[in-house]
Amino acid sequence: MIFPRPEWEKFRERIAQLPMSAQWWKRIFLGNAMDVEMDATGRVLVSPELRQAAGIAKETILLGMGSHFELWDKAAYEAQEAEALQGAMPDAFKDFSF
């Protein structure tokens, strides 16, 4: 996930307030977070460690998700999307109007 700084601050506070039973997940989210900068052409360099952790091989897809972005390996995203489209629409959308 990629957060603009103000959204990261909100997310970080929510994670920090989780109980001790979630300590390892707190470490995973907070301990692996890192600041990134855009270059002059608007590109973001993602560290090799984060690329490996996310399974990003070569081509990526950047999805706007409201308050944050998701960065996916293109092949992994397309496989997950195809699987989701094969299943039924979640009940959460039952009363949702498009």
PDB file of N, CA and C in Angstrom:
ATOM      1  N   MET A   1       0.843  -1.170   0.000  1.00  0.00           N
ATOM      2  CA  MET A   1       0.000   0.000   0.000  1.00  0.00           C
ATOM      3  C   MET A   1       0.889   1.234   0.000  1.00  0.00           C
ATOM      4  N   ILE A   2       0.419   2.239  -0.676  1.00  0.00           N
ATOM      5  CA  ILE A   2       1.135   3.510  -0.742  1.00  0.00           C
ATOM      6  C   ILE A   2       0.183   4.584  -0.242  1.00  0.00           C
ATOM      7  N   PHE A   3       0.603   5.312   0.782  1.00  0.00           N
ATOM      8  CA  PHE A   3      -0.241   6.322   1.400  1.00  0.00           C
ATOM      9  C   PHE A   3       0.338   7.713   1.198  1.00  0.00           C
ATOM     10  N   PRO A   4      -0.499   8.698   0.886  1.00  0.00           N
ATOM     11  CA  PRO A   4      -0.051  10.087   1.046  1.00  0.00           C
ATOM     12  C   PRO A   4       0.216  10.305   2.537  1.00  0.00           C
ATOM     13  N   ARG A   5       1.133  11.172   2.881  1.00  0.00           N
ATOM     14  CA  ARG A   5       1.551  11.359   4.279  1.00  0.00           C
ATOM     15  C   ARG A   5       0.365  11.530   5.239  1.00  0.00           C
ATOM     16  N   PRO A   6      -0.628  12.425   4.968  1.00  0.00           N
ATOM     17  CA  PRO A   6      -1.730  12.589   5.938  1.00  0.00           C
ATOM     18  C   PRO A   6      -2.521  11.297   6.162  1.00  0.00           C
ATOM     19  N   GLU A   7      -2.722  10.513   5.118  1.00  0.00           N
ATOM     20  CA  GLU A   7      -3.455   9.250   5.260  1.00  0.00           C
ATOM     21  C   GLU A   7      -2.608   8.219   5.998  1.00  0.00           C
ATOM     22  N   TRP A   8      -1.295   8.231   5.760  1.00  0.00           N
ATOM     23  CA  TRP A   8      -0.415   7.324   6.484  1.00  0.00           C
ATOM     24  C   TRP A   8      -0.477   7.598   7.981  1.00  0.00           C
ATOM     25  N   GLU A   9      -0.483   8.875   8.353  1.00  0.00           N
ATOM     26  CA  GLU A   9      -0.537   9.230   9.775  1.00  0.00           C
ATOM     27  C   GLU A   9      -1.793   8.645  10.421  1.00  0.00           C
ATOM     28  N   LYS A  10      -2.926   8.727   9.736  1.00  0.00           N
ATOM     29  CA  LYS A  10      -4.176   8.162  10.265  1.00  0.00           C
ATOM     30  C   LYS A  10      -4.076   6.636  10.385  1.00  0.00           C
ATOM     31  N   PHE A  11      -3.568   6.008   9.329  1.00  0.00           N
ATOM     32  CA  PHE A  11      -3.441   4.554   9.316  1.00  0.00           C
ATOM     33  C   PHE A  11      -2.478   4.103  10.410  1.00  0.00           C
ATOM     34  N   ARG A  12      -1.348   4.792  10.536  1.00  0.00           N
ATOM     35  CA  ARG A  12      -0.349   4.441  11.544  1.00  0.00           C
ATOM     36  C   ARG A  12      -0.937   4.519  12.950  1.00  0.00           C
ATOM     37  N   GLU A  13      -1.742   5.544  13.217  1.00  0.00           N
ATOM     38  CA  GLU A  13      -2.368   5.677  14.537  1.00  0.00           C
ATOM     39  C   GLU A  13      -3.336   4.530  14.808  1.00  0.00           C
ATOM     40  N   ARG A  14      -4.104   4.138  13.801  1.00  0.00           N
ATOM     41  CA  ARG A  14      -5.035   3.020  13.978  1.00  0.00           C
ATOM     42  C   ARG A  14      -4.282   1.729  14.270  1.00  0.00           C
ATOM     43  N   ILE A  15      -3.199   1.489  13.549  1.00  0.00           N
ATOM     44  CA  ILE A  15      -2.394   0.290  13.772  1.00  0.00           C
ATOM     45  C   ILE A  15      -1.755   0.332  15.160  1.00  0.00           C
ATOM     46  N   ALA A  16      -1.217   1.472  15.543  1.00  0.00           N
ATOM     47  CA  ALA A  16      -0.539   1.601  16.837  1.00  0.00           C
ATOM     48  C   ALA A  16      -1.482   1.323  18.006  1.00  0.00           C
ATOM     49  N   GLN A  17      -2.771   1.547  17.836  1.00  0.00           N
ATOM     50  CA  GLN A  17      -3.740   1.346  18.912  1.00  0.00           C
ATOM     51  C   GLN A  17      -4.220  -0.097  19.034  1.00  0.00           C
ATOM     52  N   LEU A  18      -3.796  -0.970  18.150  1.00  0.00           N
ATOM     53  CA  LEU A  18      -4.218  -2.362  18.227  1.00  0.00           C
ATOM     54  C   LEU A  18      -3.657  -3.010  19.495  1.00  0.00           C
ATOM     55  N   PRO A  19      -4.329  -4.034  20.013  1.00  0.00           N
ATOM     56  CA  PRO A  19      -3.873  -4.670  21.258  1.00  0.00           C
ATOM     57  C   PRO A  19      -2.587  -5.473  21.050  1.00  0.00           C
ATOM     58  N   MET A  20      -1.990  -5.861  22.165  1.00  0.00           N
ATOM     59  CA  MET A  20      -0.741  -6.631  22.134  1.00  0.00           C
ATOM     60  C   MET A  20      -0.890  -7.936  21.357  1.00  0.00           C
ATOM     61  N   SER A  21      -2.094  -8.484  21.290  1.00  0.00           N
ATOM     62  CA  SER A  21      -2.306  -9.728  20.548  1.00  0.00           C
ATOM     63  C   SER A  21      -2.020  -9.540  19.056  1.00  0.00           C
ATOM     64  N   ALA A  22      -1.985  -8.302  18.598  1.00  0.00           N
ATOM     65  CA  ALA A  22      -1.694  -7.997  17.190  1.00  0.00           C
ATOM     66  C   ALA A  22      -0.274  -7.466  17.014  1.00  0.00           C
ATOM     67  N   GLN A  23       0.575  -7.674  18.012  1.00  0.00           N
ATOM     68  CA  GLN A  23       1.919  -7.082  17.996  1.00  0.00           C
ATOM     69  C   GLN A  23       2.718  -7.439  16.742  1.00  0.00           C
ATOM     70  N   TRP A  24       2.642  -8.668  16.291  1.00  0.00           N
ATOM     71  CA  TRP A  24       3.419  -9.023  15.102  1.00  0.00           C
ATOM     72  C   TRP A  24       2.896  -8.310  13.868  1.00  0.00           C
ATOM     73  N   TRP A  25       1.583  -8.141  13.762  1.00  0.00           N
ATOM     74  CA  TRP A  25       1.046  -7.419  12.607  1.00  0.00           C
ATOM     75  C   TRP A  25       1.411  -5.943  12.688  1.00  0.00           C
ATOM     76  N   LYS A  26       1.467  -5.427  13.893  1.00  0.00           N
ATOM     77  CA  LYS A  26       1.927  -4.044  14.051  1.00  0.00           C
ATOM     78  C   LYS A  26       3.366  -3.920  13.547  1.00  0.00           C
ATOM     79  N   ARG A  27       4.200  -4.891  13.909  1.00  0.00           N
ATOM     80  CA  ARG A  27       5.590  -4.874  13.446  1.00  0.00           C
ATOM     81  C   ARG A  27       5.664  -4.960  11.926  1.00  0.00           C
ATOM     82  N   ILE A  28       4.832  -5.820  11.347  1.00  0.00           N
ATOM     83  CA  ILE A  28       4.853  -5.993   9.891  1.00  0.00           C
ATOM     84  C   ILE A  28       4.467  -4.689   9.202  1.00  0.00           C
ATOM     85  N   PHE A  29       3.374  -4.061   9.623  1.00  0.00           N
ATOM     86  CA  PHE A  29       2.920  -2.832   8.976  1.00  0.00           C
ATOM     87  C   PHE A  29       3.822  -1.644   9.268  1.00  0.00           C
ATOM     88  N   LEU A  30       4.144  -1.455  10.527  1.00  0.00           N
ATOM     89  CA  LEU A  30       4.905  -0.260  10.908  1.00  0.00           C
ATOM     90  C   LEU A  30       6.401  -0.435  10.705  1.00  0.00           C
ATOM     91  N   GLY A  31       6.905  -1.623  10.982  1.00  0.00           N
ATOM     92  CA  GLY A  31       8.343  -1.842  10.883  1.00  0.00           C
ATOM     93  C   GLY A  31       8.866  -1.908   9.465  1.00  0.00           C
ATOM     94  N   ASN A  32       8.007  -2.213   8.512  1.00  0.00           N
ATOM     95  CA  ASN A  32       8.439  -2.298   7.121  1.00  0.00           C
ATOM     96  C   ASN A  32       8.074  -1.069   6.300  1.00  0.00           C
ATOM     97  N   ALA A  33       7.456  -0.101   6.940  1.00  0.00           N
ATOM     98  CA  ALA A  33       7.085   1.119   6.216  1.00  0.00           C
ATOM     99  C   ALA A  33       8.324   1.945   5.922  1.00  0.00           C
ATOM    100  N   MET A  34       8.289   2.636   4.802  1.00  0.00           N
ATOM    101  CA  MET A  34       9.396   3.528   4.476  1.00  0.00           C
ATOM    102  C   MET A  34       8.905   4.675   3.606  1.00  0.00           C
ATOM    103  N   ASP A  35       9.564   5.810   3.766  1.00  0.00           N
ATOM    104  CA  ASP A  35       9.259   6.967   2.941  1.00  0.00           C
ATOM    105  C   ASP A  35       9.858   6.769   1.555  1.00  0.00           C
ATOM    106  N   VAL A  36       9.140   7.230   0.556  1.00  0.00           N
ATOM    107  CA  VAL A  36       9.647   7.228  -0.814  1.00  0.00           C
ATOM    108  C   VAL A  36       9.431   8.614  -1.398  1.00  0.00           C
ATOM    109  N   GLU A  37      10.239   8.952  -2.348  1.00  0.00           N
ATOM    110  CA  GLU A  37      10.144  10.254  -3.004  1.00  0.00           C
ATOM    111  C   GLU A  37       9.877  10.042  -4.489  1.00  0.00           C
ATOM    112  N   MET A  38       9.193  10.998  -5.085  1.00  0.00           N
ATOM    113  CA  MET A  38       9.003  10.984  -6.529  1.00  0.00           C
ATOM    114  C   MET A  38      10.172  11.703  -7.175  1.00  0.00           C
ATOM    115  N   ASP A  39      10.585  11.206  -8.337  1.00  0.00           N
ATOM    116  CA  ASP A  39      11.631  11.909  -9.062  1.00  0.00           C
ATOM    117  C   ASP A  39      11.003  13.014  -9.910  1.00  0.00           C
ATOM    118  N   ALA A  40      11.800  13.701 -10.696  1.00  0.00           N
ATOM    119  CA  ALA A  40      11.323  14.846 -11.478  1.00  0.00           C
ATOM    120  C   ALA A  40      10.256  14.471 -12.501  1.00  0.00           C
ATOM    121  N   THR A  41      10.196  13.205 -12.884  1.00  0.00           N
ATOM    122  CA  THR A  41       9.188  12.775 -13.858  1.00  0.00           C
ATOM    123  C   THR A  41       7.997  12.083 -13.204  1.00  0.00           C
ATOM    124  N   GLY A  42       7.919  12.123 -11.859  1.00  0.00           N
ATOM    125  CA  GLY A  42       6.782  11.554 -11.140  1.00  0.00           C
ATOM    126  C   GLY A  42       6.906  10.069 -10.852  1.00  0.00           C
ATOM    127  N   ARG A  43       8.094   9.512 -11.051  1.00  0.00           N
ATOM    128  CA  ARG A  43       8.301   8.094 -10.758  1.00  0.00           C
ATOM    129  C   ARG A  43       8.702   7.912  -9.299  1.00  0.00           C
ATOM    130  N   VAL A  44       8.333   6.755  -8.750  1.00  0.00           N
ATOM    131  CA  VAL A  44       8.682   6.407  -7.377  1.00  0.00           C
ATOM    132  C   VAL A  44       9.576   5.175  -7.424  1.00  0.00           C
ATOM    133  N   LEU A  45      10.711   5.255  -6.756  1.00  0.00           N
ATOM    134  CA  LEU A  45      11.599   4.102  -6.672  1.00  0.00           C
ATOM    135  C   LEU A  45      11.175   3.247  -5.483  1.00  0.00           C
ATOM    136  N   VAL A  46      10.803   1.999  -5.774  1.00  0.00           N
ATOM    137  CA  VAL A  46      10.413   1.055  -4.726  1.00  0.00           C
ATOM    138  C   VAL A  46      11.636   0.174  -4.449  1.00  0.00           C
ATOM    139  N   SER A  47      12.024   0.097  -3.197  1.00  0.00           N
ATOM    140  CA  SER A  47      13.238  -0.639  -2.834  1.00  0.00           C
ATOM    141  C   SER A  47      13.140  -2.099  -3.242  1.00  0.00           C
ATOM    142  N   PRO A  48      14.283  -2.741  -3.491  1.00  0.00           N
ATOM    143  CA  PRO A  48      14.267  -4.168  -3.824  1.00  0.00           C
ATOM    144  C   PRO A  48      13.602  -5.012  -2.741  1.00  0.00           C
ATOM    145  N   GLU A  49      13.778  -4.639  -1.467  1.00  0.00           N
ATOM    146  CA  GLU A  49      13.169  -5.394  -0.369  1.00  0.00           C
ATOM    147  C   GLU A  49      11.647  -5.344  -0.450  1.00  0.00           C
ATOM    148  N   LEU A  50      11.098  -4.166  -0.717  1.00  0.00           N
ATOM    149  CA  LEU A  50       9.640  -4.052  -0.819  1.00  0.00           C
ATOM    150  C   LEU A  50       9.114  -4.738  -2.075  1.00  0.00           C
ATOM    151  N   ARG A  51       9.854  -4.642  -3.181  1.00  0.00           N
ATOM    152  CA  ARG A  51       9.430  -5.328  -4.410  1.00  0.00           C
ATOM    153  C   ARG A  51       9.385  -6.837  -4.174  1.00  0.00           C
ATOM    154  N   GLN A  52      10.395  -7.359  -3.499  1.00  0.00           N
ATOM    155  CA  GLN A  52      10.428  -8.797  -3.225  1.00  0.00           C
ATOM    156  C   GLN A  52       9.280  -9.193  -2.300  1.00  0.00           C
ATOM    157  N   ALA A  53       9.062  -8.420  -1.246  1.00  0.00           N
ATOM    158  CA  ALA A  53       7.979  -8.730  -0.294  1.00  0.00           C
ATOM    159  C   ALA A  53       6.620  -8.707  -0.975  1.00  0.00           C
ATOM    160  N   ALA A  54       6.436  -7.808  -1.935  1.00  0.00           N
ATOM    161  CA  ALA A  54       5.154  -7.687  -2.634  1.00  0.00           C
ATOM    162  C   ALA A  54       5.054  -8.628  -3.831  1.00  0.00           C
ATOM    163  N   GLY A  55       6.126  -9.338  -4.142  1.00  0.00           N
ATOM    164  CA  GLY A  55       6.103 -10.255  -5.281  1.00  0.00           C
ATOM    165  C   GLY A  55       6.089  -9.532  -6.611  1.00  0.00           C
ATOM    166  N   ILE A  56       6.660  -8.341  -6.653  1.00  0.00           N
ATOM    167  CA  ILE A  56       6.679  -7.561  -7.898  1.00  0.00           C
ATOM    168  C   ILE A  56       7.897  -7.972  -8.714  1.00  0.00           C
ATOM    169  N   ALA A  57       7.632  -8.497  -9.919  1.00  0.00           N
ATOM    170  CA  ALA A  57       8.710  -8.973 -10.771  1.00  0.00           C
ATOM    171  C   ALA A  57       9.140  -7.904 -11.777  1.00  0.00           C
ATOM    172  N   LYS A  58       8.224  -7.441 -12.606  1.00  0.00           N
ATOM    173  CA  LYS A  58       8.597  -6.471 -13.641  1.00  0.00           C
ATOM    174  C   LYS A  58       7.504  -5.435 -13.840  1.00  0.00           C
ATOM    175  N   GLU A  59       6.428  -5.819 -14.506  1.00  0.00           N
ATOM    176  CA  GLU A  59       5.352  -4.868 -14.779  1.00  0.00           C
ATOM    177  C   GLU A  59       4.465  -4.728 -13.555  1.00  0.00           C
ATOM    178  N   THR A  60       3.977  -3.506 -13.322  1.00  0.00           N
ATOM    179  CA  THR A  60       3.135  -3.239 -12.162  1.00  0.00           C
ATOM    180  C   THR A  60       1.831  -2.574 -12.577  1.00  0.00           C
ATOM    181  N   ILE A  61       0.899  -2.594 -11.644  1.00  0.00           N
ATOM    182  CA  ILE A  61      -0.365  -1.871 -11.771  1.00  0.00           C
ATOM    183  C   ILE A  61      -0.522  -1.053 -10.497  1.00  0.00           C
ATOM    184  N   LEU A  62      -0.816   0.235 -10.648  1.00  0.00           N
ATOM    185  CA  LEU A  62      -1.056   1.118  -9.517  1.00  0.00           C
ATOM    186  C   LEU A  62      -2.546   1.418  -9.478  1.00  0.00           C
ATOM    187  N   LEU A  63      -3.192   1.033  -8.367  1.00  0.00           N
ATOM    188  CA  LEU A  63      -4.632   1.230  -8.227  1.00  0.00           C
ATOM    189  C   LEU A  63      -4.921   2.312  -7.204  1.00  0.00           C
ATOM    190  N   GLY A  64      -5.738   3.273  -7.565  1.00  0.00           N
ATOM    191  CA  GLY A  64      -6.217   4.257  -6.607  1.00  0.00           C
ATOM    192  C   GLY A  64      -7.346   3.633  -5.796  1.00  0.00           C
ATOM    193  N   MET A  65      -7.195   3.623  -4.468  1.00  0.00           N
ATOM    194  CA  MET A  65      -8.170   2.961  -3.602  1.00  0.00           C
ATOM    195  C   MET A  65      -8.804   3.939  -2.619  1.00  0.00           C
ATOM    196  N   GLY A  66      -9.027   5.160  -3.062  1.00  0.00           N
ATOM    197  CA  GLY A  66      -9.636   6.161  -2.190  1.00  0.00           C
ATOM    198  C   GLY A  66      -8.581   6.901  -1.400  1.00  0.00           C
ATOM    199  N   SER A  67      -8.277   6.424  -0.200  1.00  0.00           N
ATOM    200  CA  SER A  67      -7.324   7.125   0.662  1.00  0.00           C
ATOM    201  C   SER A  67      -5.889   6.646   0.477  1.00  0.00           C
ATOM    202  N   HIS A  68      -5.694   5.604  -0.320  1.00  0.00           N
ATOM    203  CA  HIS A  68      -4.346   5.086  -0.543  1.00  0.00           C
ATOM    204  C   HIS A  68      -4.279   4.445  -1.924  1.00  0.00           C
ATOM    205  N   PHE A  69      -3.088   4.010  -2.289  1.00  0.00           N
ATOM    206  CA  PHE A  69      -2.867   3.294  -3.538  1.00  0.00           C
ATOM    207  C   PHE A  69      -2.430   1.869  -3.215  1.00  0.00           C
ATOM    208  N   GLU A  70      -2.674   0.969  -4.156  1.00  0.00           N
ATOM    209  CA  GLU A  70      -2.125  -0.376  -4.075  1.00  0.00           C
ATOM    210  C   GLU A  70      -1.226  -0.573  -5.284  1.00  0.00           C
ATOM    211  N   LEU A  71      -0.051  -1.109  -5.052  1.00  0.00           N
ATOM    212  CA  LEU A  71       0.894  -1.408  -6.113  1.00  0.00           C
ATOM    213  C   LEU A  71       0.971  -2.922  -6.238  1.00  0.00           C
ATOM    214  N   TRP A  72       0.646  -3.429  -7.414  1.00  0.00           N
ATOM    215  CA  TRP A  72       0.573  -4.867  -7.651  1.00  0.00           C
ATOM    216  C   TRP A  72       1.527  -5.288  -8.763  1.00  0.00           C
ATOM    217  N   ASP A  73       2.017  -6.507  -8.675  1.00  0.00           N
ATOM    218  CA  ASP A  73       2.633  -7.142  -9.828  1.00  0.00           C
ATOM    219  C   ASP A  73       1.505  -7.359 -10.832  1.00  0.00           C
ATOM    220  N   LYS A  74       1.719  -6.981 -12.094  1.00  0.00           N
ATOM    221  CA  LYS A  74       0.650  -7.022 -13.092  1.00  0.00           C
ATOM    222  C   LYS A  74       0.046  -8.424 -13.245  1.00  0.00           C
ATOM    223  N   ALA A  75       0.891  -9.431 -13.362  1.00  0.00           N
ATOM    224  CA  ALA A  75       0.386 -10.800 -13.547  1.00  0.00           C
ATOM    225  C   ALA A  75      -0.392 -11.276 -12.320  1.00  0.00           C
ATOM    226  N   ALA A  76       0.105 -10.957 -11.133  1.00  0.00           N
ATOM    227  CA  ALA A  76      -0.594 -11.361  -9.905  1.00  0.00           C
ATOM    228  C   ALA A  76      -1.944 -10.673  -9.808  1.00  0.00           C
ATOM    229  N   TYR A  77      -2.000  -9.379 -10.143  1.00  0.00           N
ATOM    230  CA  TYR A  77      -3.274  -8.657 -10.090  1.00  0.00           C
ATOM    231  C   TYR A  77      -4.270  -9.254 -11.078  1.00  0.00           C
ATOM    232  N   GLU A  78      -3.821  -9.488 -12.299  1.00  0.00           N
ATOM    233  CA  GLU A  78      -4.734 -10.022 -13.314  1.00  0.00           C
ATOM    234  C   GLU A  78      -5.273 -11.392 -12.908  1.00  0.00           C
ATOM    235  N   ALA A  79      -4.450 -12.220 -12.271  1.00  0.00           N
ATOM    236  CA  ALA A  79      -4.909 -13.532 -11.804  1.00  0.00           C
ATOM    237  C   ALA A  79      -5.935 -13.377 -10.681  1.00  0.00           C
ATOM    238  N   GLN A  80      -5.667 -12.480  -9.721  1.00  0.00           N
ATOM    239  CA  GLN A  80      -6.605 -12.261  -8.615  1.00  0.00           C
ATOM    240  C   GLN A  80      -7.915 -11.661  -9.121  1.00  0.00           C
ATOM    241  N   GLU A  81      -7.830 -10.732 -10.067  1.00  0.00           N
ATOM    242  CA  GLU A  81      -9.028 -10.120 -10.629  1.00  0.00           C
ATOM    243  C   GLU A  81      -9.878 -11.162 -11.356  1.00  0.00           C
ATOM    244  N   ALA A  82      -9.244 -12.012 -12.165  1.00  0.00           N
ATOM    245  CA  ALA A  82      -9.980 -13.054 -12.892  1.00  0.00           C
ATOM    246  C   ALA A  82     -10.669 -14.005 -11.922  1.00  0.00           C
ATOM    247  N   GLU A  83      -9.977 -14.356 -10.832  1.00  0.00           N
ATOM    248  CA  GLU A  83     -10.571 -15.236  -9.823  1.00  0.00           C
ATOM    249  C   GLU A  83     -11.776 -14.567  -9.166  1.00  0.00           C
ATOM    250  N   ALA A  84     -11.649 -13.278  -8.838  1.00  0.00           N
ATOM    251  CA  ALA A  84     -12.753 -12.544  -8.208  1.00  0.00           C
ATOM    252  C   ALA A  84     -13.958 -12.472  -9.137  1.00  0.00           C
ATOM    253  N   LEU A  85     -13.704 -12.249 -10.422  1.00  0.00           N
ATOM    254  CA  LEU A  85     -14.798 -12.130 -11.381  1.00  0.00           C
ATOM    255  C   LEU A  85     -15.511 -13.459 -11.626  1.00  0.00           C
ATOM    256  N   GLN A  86     -14.854 -14.559 -11.351  1.00  0.00           N
ATOM    257  CA  GLN A  86     -15.478 -15.875 -11.506  1.00  0.00           C
ATOM    258  C   GLN A  86     -16.442 -16.178 -10.368  1.00  0.00           C
ATOM    259  N   GLY A  87     -16.234 -15.538  -9.227  1.00  0.00           N
ATOM    260  CA  GLY A  87     -17.078 -15.784  -8.061  1.00  0.00           C
ATOM    261  C   GLY A  87     -18.289 -14.869  -8.038  1.00  0.00           C
ATOM    262  N   ALA A  88     -19.098 -15.055  -7.042  1.00  0.00           N
ATOM    263  CA  ALA A  88     -20.283 -14.225  -6.854  1.00  0.00           C
ATOM    264  C   ALA A  88     -19.882 -12.876  -6.262  1.00  0.00           C
ATOM    265  N   MET A  89     -20.701 -11.877  -6.514  1.00  0.00           N
ATOM    266  CA  MET A  89     -20.471 -10.566  -5.923  1.00  0.00           C
ATOM    267  C   MET A  89     -20.677 -10.679  -4.416  1.00  0.00           C
ATOM    268  N   PRO A  90     -19.784 -10.104  -3.615  1.00  0.00           N
ATOM    269  CA  PRO A  90     -19.925 -10.204  -2.150  1.00  0.00           C
ATOM    270  C   PRO A  90     -21.237  -9.606  -1.657  1.00  0.00           C
ATOM    271  N   ASP A  91     -21.740 -10.143  -0.543  1.00  0.00           N
ATOM    272  CA  ASP A  91     -22.987  -9.658   0.047  1.00  0.00           C
ATOM    273  C   ASP A  91     -22.936  -8.169   0.369  1.00  0.00           C
ATOM    274  N   ALA A  92     -21.751  -7.636   0.617  1.00  0.00           N
ATOM    275  CA  ALA A  92     -21.619  -6.215   0.931  1.00  0.00           C
ATOM    276  C   ALA A  92     -22.168  -5.340  -0.187  1.00  0.00           C
ATOM    277  N   PHE A  93     -22.230  -5.882  -1.400  1.00  0.00           N
ATOM    278  CA  PHE A  93     -22.750  -5.114  -2.535  1.00  0.00           C
ATOM    279  C   PHE A  93     -24.227  -5.381  -2.804  1.00  0.00           C
ATOM    280  N   LYS A  94     -24.859  -6.216  -2.003  1.00  0.00           N
ATOM    281  CA  LYS A  94     -26.246  -6.619  -2.245  1.00  0.00           C
ATOM    282  C   LYS A  94     -27.182  -5.415  -2.351  1.00  0.00           C
ATOM    283  N   ASP A  95     -27.028  -4.445  -1.465  1.00  0.00           N
ATOM    284  CA  ASP A  95     -27.903  -3.266  -1.477  1.00  0.00           C
ATOM    285  C   ASP A  95     -27.220  -2.045  -2.078  1.00  0.00           C
ATOM    286  N   PHE A  96     -26.092  -2.246  -2.714  1.00  0.00           N
ATOM    287  CA  PHE A  96     -25.323  -1.138  -3.288  1.00  0.00           C
ATOM    288  C   PHE A  96     -25.895  -0.775  -4.650  1.00  0.00           C
ATOM    289  N   SER A  97     -26.078   0.497  -4.886  1.00  0.00           N
ATOM    290  CA  SER A  97     -26.616   0.942  -6.161  1.00  0.00           C
ATOM    291  C   SER A  97     -25.498   1.533  -7.010  1.00  0.00           C
ATOM    292  N   PHE A  98     -25.386   1.066  -8.237  1.00  0.00           N
ATOM    293  CA  PHE A  98     -24.343   1.581  -9.134  1.00  0.00           C
ATOM    294  C   PHE A  98     -24.877   2.686 -10.003  1.00  0.00           C
TER     295      PHE A  98
END
